[in-house]
Structure formats: structure tokens, C-alpha cells
Amino acid sequence: MGSLIAVPNDANIWSIEFVFVDSACREIGIGDALVLACLRELTQRNVAWVQSSALPGDRAMKNLFERHGLVAQTIIVGKKL
């Protein structure tokens, strides 16, 4: 139904690299459960910082992260020349 992958950048910084919930199973809390389980595990491991990214326009992903206290740190902008 869903999966989440988090990887260490170093001992105290981890990145949530991938969050997926099957389209037939969305909007029932699976994404929240995955992120919450990840944050609990990282807290138990005494990780100091967790980060991730959401693509522009992916409001659902941004909202998921913000519900769990992850907030935007950097906005990367670009333009094809």
C-alpha cells in the first residue's frame, strides 16, 4: 500500500528520499503513518536532523511533511536557456 525510504547523509543527518502511497489507498493516513514511523525511528537513533524535498506543485507532499514539522528550508529556482 505504501513505502518510505530514508537514508543517512552522515551519522546525524538523514534524508527521506522516497514516499509512495498507492493511488487507491491515498487520503486515509498511510503517508502520515509512514512519516510518523520514520520520525520515531530516527528519534530513537538520536538523529539530529531529518530532511526531504517536494517537487514544485506537489502540494500533497508539502502538506504531508509540514504536518510532521518539516518546513521548507531552500527554494531552488532555474530557467532553461
N, C-alpha and C. Protein backbone atom coordinates (compact mmCIF):
# COMPACT_ATOMS: atom_id res chain seq x y z
N MET A 1 0.82 -1.19 0.00
CA MET A 1 0.00 0.00 0.00
C MET A 1 0.86 1.25 0.00
N GLY A 2 2.02 1.22 0.66
CA GLY A 2 2.88 2.39 0.71
C GLY A 2 4.27 2.04 1.16
N SER A 3 5.20 2.94 0.90
CA SER A 3 6.58 2.74 1.34
C SER A 3 7.27 4.09 1.52
N LEU A 4 8.31 4.06 2.33
CA LEU A 4 9.13 5.24 2.59
C LEU A 4 10.57 4.76 2.70
N ILE A 5 11.47 5.52 2.09
CA ILE A 5 12.90 5.21 2.18
C ILE A 5 13.61 6.43 2.76
N ALA A 6 14.37 6.20 3.84
CA ALA A 6 15.19 7.25 4.44
C ALA A 6 16.63 6.74 4.46
N VAL A 7 17.56 7.63 4.14
CA VAL A 7 18.97 7.24 4.08
C VAL A 7 19.81 8.25 4.87
N PRO A 8 20.91 7.77 5.47
CA PRO A 8 21.77 8.68 6.21
C PRO A 8 22.70 9.45 5.27
N ASN A 9 22.85 10.74 5.55
CA ASN A 9 23.86 11.54 4.86
C ASN A 9 25.15 11.51 5.67
N ASP A 10 25.01 11.48 6.96
CA ASP A 10 26.08 11.20 7.91
C ASP A 10 25.40 10.71 9.18
N ALA A 11 26.13 10.59 10.25
CA ALA A 11 25.57 9.98 11.46
C ALA A 11 24.35 10.70 12.01
N ASN A 12 24.27 12.02 11.85
CA ASN A 12 23.19 12.77 12.48
C ASN A 12 22.25 13.47 11.51
N ILE A 13 22.40 13.23 10.21
CA ILE A 13 21.50 13.84 9.22
C ILE A 13 21.00 12.73 8.29
N TRP A 14 19.67 12.62 8.22
CA TRP A 14 19.05 11.64 7.34
C TRP A 14 18.14 12.35 6.35
N SER A 15 17.96 11.76 5.19
CA SER A 15 17.06 12.30 4.16
C SER A 15 15.97 11.28 3.85
N ILE A 16 14.74 11.75 3.85
CA ILE A 16 13.64 10.94 3.35
C ILE A 16 13.69 11.10 1.83
N GLU A 17 14.07 10.03 1.17
CA GLU A 17 14.31 10.08 -0.28
C GLU A 17 13.07 9.72 -1.09
N PHE A 18 12.16 8.96 -0.49
CA PHE A 18 11.06 8.41 -1.28
C PHE A 18 9.87 8.15 -0.37
N VAL A 19 8.72 8.66 -0.75
CA VAL A 19 7.47 8.35 -0.06
C VAL A 19 6.45 8.01 -1.15
N PHE A 20 5.81 6.86 -1.02
CA PHE A 20 4.82 6.47 -2.01
C PHE A 20 3.65 5.81 -1.33
N VAL A 21 2.44 6.19 -1.73
CA VAL A 21 1.22 5.51 -1.32
C VAL A 21 0.43 5.21 -2.58
N ASP A 22 0.03 3.97 -2.75
CA ASP A 22 -0.75 3.56 -3.91
C ASP A 22 -1.97 4.47 -4.05
N SER A 23 -2.27 4.86 -5.28
CA SER A 23 -3.35 5.82 -5.51
C SER A 23 -4.69 5.35 -4.96
N ALA A 24 -4.92 4.04 -4.93
CA ALA A 24 -6.19 3.52 -4.39
C ALA A 24 -6.25 3.60 -2.87
N CYS A 25 -5.11 3.90 -2.23
CA CYS A 25 -5.04 3.90 -0.76
C CYS A 25 -4.73 5.27 -0.18
N ARG A 26 -4.81 6.30 -0.99
CA ARG A 26 -4.47 7.64 -0.51
C ARG A 26 -5.61 8.27 0.26
N GLU A 27 -5.27 9.28 1.03
CA GLU A 27 -6.24 10.06 1.81
C GLU A 27 -6.83 9.30 2.99
N ILE A 28 -6.13 8.25 3.46
CA ILE A 28 -6.62 7.53 4.64
C ILE A 28 -5.56 7.48 5.74
N GLY A 29 -4.45 8.19 5.57
CA GLY A 29 -3.45 8.30 6.63
C GLY A 29 -2.23 7.42 6.51
N ILE A 30 -2.08 6.72 5.39
CA ILE A 30 -0.91 5.84 5.24
C ILE A 30 0.37 6.66 5.17
N GLY A 31 0.37 7.73 4.40
CA GLY A 31 1.55 8.59 4.31
C GLY A 31 1.93 9.16 5.66
N ASP A 32 0.93 9.61 6.42
CA ASP A 32 1.19 10.12 7.76
C ASP A 32 1.79 9.04 8.65
N ALA A 33 1.26 7.83 8.57
CA ALA A 33 1.78 6.73 9.38
C ALA A 33 3.23 6.41 9.02
N LEU A 34 3.55 6.44 7.73
CA LEU A 34 4.92 6.17 7.29
C LEU A 34 5.88 7.23 7.80
N VAL A 35 5.51 8.49 7.66
CA VAL A 35 6.39 9.58 8.12
C VAL A 35 6.53 9.53 9.64
N LEU A 36 5.44 9.31 10.34
CA LEU A 36 5.49 9.23 11.80
C LEU A 36 6.39 8.08 12.26
N ALA A 37 6.28 6.92 11.64
CA ALA A 37 7.13 5.79 12.00
C ALA A 37 8.60 6.11 11.73
N CYS A 38 8.86 6.76 10.62
CA CYS A 38 10.23 7.15 10.28
C CYS A 38 10.79 8.12 11.32
N LEU A 39 10.01 9.13 11.67
CA LEU A 39 10.47 10.12 12.65
C LEU A 39 10.70 9.48 14.02
N ARG A 40 9.84 8.57 14.40
CA ARG A 40 10.03 7.86 15.69
C ARG A 40 11.32 7.05 15.68
N GLU A 41 11.55 6.33 14.59
CA GLU A 41 12.77 5.51 14.48
C GLU A 41 14.01 6.40 14.53
N LEU A 42 14.00 7.48 13.79
CA LEU A 42 15.17 8.37 13.76
C LEU A 42 15.39 9.03 15.12
N THR A 43 14.31 9.35 15.81
CA THR A 43 14.43 9.91 17.16
C THR A 43 15.08 8.89 18.09
N GLN A 44 14.68 7.63 18.00
CA GLN A 44 15.27 6.58 18.83
C GLN A 44 16.75 6.39 18.53
N ARG A 45 17.14 6.69 17.29
CA ARG A 45 18.55 6.57 16.90
C ARG A 45 19.34 7.84 17.22
N ASN A 46 18.70 8.80 17.87
CA ASN A 46 19.33 10.07 18.23
C ASN A 46 19.81 10.88 17.03
N VAL A 47 19.09 10.77 15.92
CA VAL A 47 19.40 11.56 14.74
C VAL A 47 19.05 13.03 15.03
N ALA A 48 19.93 13.93 14.63
CA ALA A 48 19.75 15.36 14.94
C ALA A 48 18.88 16.08 13.92
N TRP A 49 18.86 15.61 12.66
CA TRP A 49 18.18 16.36 11.60
C TRP A 49 17.65 15.40 10.56
N VAL A 50 16.42 15.65 10.12
CA VAL A 50 15.85 14.89 9.01
C VAL A 50 15.37 15.89 7.98
N GLN A 51 15.55 15.55 6.72
CA GLN A 51 15.16 16.46 5.65
C GLN A 51 14.57 15.67 4.49
N SER A 52 13.92 16.38 3.60
CA SER A 52 13.39 15.78 2.39
C SER A 52 13.13 16.88 1.39
N SER A 53 12.50 16.54 0.29
CA SER A 53 12.15 17.55 -0.70
C SER A 53 10.81 17.20 -1.31
N ALA A 54 10.15 18.22 -1.81
CA ALA A 54 8.88 18.05 -2.53
C ALA A 54 8.98 18.85 -3.82
N LEU A 55 8.53 18.28 -4.88
CA LEU A 55 8.61 18.97 -6.17
C LEU A 55 7.62 20.13 -6.23
N PRO A 56 7.95 21.15 -7.01
CA PRO A 56 7.01 22.27 -7.17
C PRO A 56 5.65 21.77 -7.63
N GLY A 57 4.62 22.27 -7.00
CA GLY A 57 3.27 21.88 -7.37
C GLY A 57 2.75 20.65 -6.64
N ASP A 58 3.62 19.94 -5.93
CA ASP A 58 3.18 18.75 -5.20
C ASP A 58 2.72 19.16 -3.81
N ARG A 59 1.57 19.80 -3.77
CA ARG A 59 1.02 20.34 -2.53
C ARG A 59 0.76 19.24 -1.50
N ALA A 60 0.32 18.07 -1.96
CA ALA A 60 0.03 16.97 -1.03
C ALA A 60 1.29 16.55 -0.28
N MET A 61 2.41 16.45 -0.99
CA MET A 61 3.67 16.06 -0.34
C MET A 61 4.14 17.14 0.62
N LYS A 62 4.06 18.39 0.19
CA LYS A 62 4.45 19.52 1.05
C LYS A 62 3.60 19.51 2.31
N ASN A 63 2.30 19.33 2.17
CA ASN A 63 1.40 19.30 3.32
C ASN A 63 1.71 18.12 4.25
N LEU A 64 2.02 16.96 3.67
CA LEU A 64 2.38 15.79 4.47
C LEU A 64 3.58 16.10 5.35
N PHE A 65 4.62 16.64 4.76
CA PHE A 65 5.82 16.96 5.53
C PHE A 65 5.54 18.03 6.58
N GLU A 66 4.80 19.06 6.21
CA GLU A 66 4.53 20.15 7.15
C GLU A 66 3.69 19.68 8.34
N ARG A 67 2.80 18.72 8.12
CA ARG A 67 2.01 18.18 9.24
C ARG A 67 2.90 17.56 10.31
N HIS A 68 4.08 17.14 9.91
CA HIS A 68 5.01 16.49 10.82
C HIS A 68 6.19 17.39 11.21
N GLY A 69 6.06 18.69 10.94
CA GLY A 69 7.05 19.66 11.39
C GLY A 69 8.22 19.92 10.46
N LEU A 70 8.25 19.28 9.29
CA LEU A 70 9.30 19.57 8.31
C LEU A 70 8.86 20.79 7.50
N VAL A 71 9.68 21.81 7.46
CA VAL A 71 9.32 23.04 6.75
C VAL A 71 10.37 23.35 5.68
N ALA A 72 9.96 24.12 4.70
CA ALA A 72 10.85 24.48 3.59
C ALA A 72 12.08 25.22 4.12
N GLN A 73 13.23 24.83 3.64
CA GLN A 73 14.49 25.46 4.02
C GLN A 73 15.11 26.21 2.84
N THR A 74 14.95 25.67 1.65
CA THR A 74 15.58 26.25 0.46
C THR A 74 14.63 26.09 -0.72
N ILE A 75 14.56 27.10 -1.52
CA ILE A 75 13.84 27.02 -2.78
C ILE A 75 14.87 27.14 -3.88
N ILE A 76 14.93 26.13 -4.74
CA ILE A 76 15.86 26.15 -5.87
C ILE A 76 15.09 26.59 -7.09
N VAL A 77 15.60 27.59 -7.75
CA VAL A 77 14.94 28.09 -8.96
C VAL A 77 15.85 27.88 -10.15
N GLY A 78 15.28 27.86 -11.34
CA GLY A 78 16.08 27.67 -12.54
C GLY A 78 15.30 28.07 -13.77
N LYS A 79 16.02 28.15 -14.86
CA LYS A 79 15.41 28.53 -16.14
C LYS A 79 16.22 27.90 -17.25
N LYS A 80 15.53 27.27 -18.18
CA LYS A 80 16.21 26.72 -19.34
C LYS A 80 16.61 27.86 -20.27
N LEU A 81 17.84 27.85 -20.71
CA LEU A 81 18.34 28.90 -21.62
C LEU A 81 18.54 28.35 -23.01
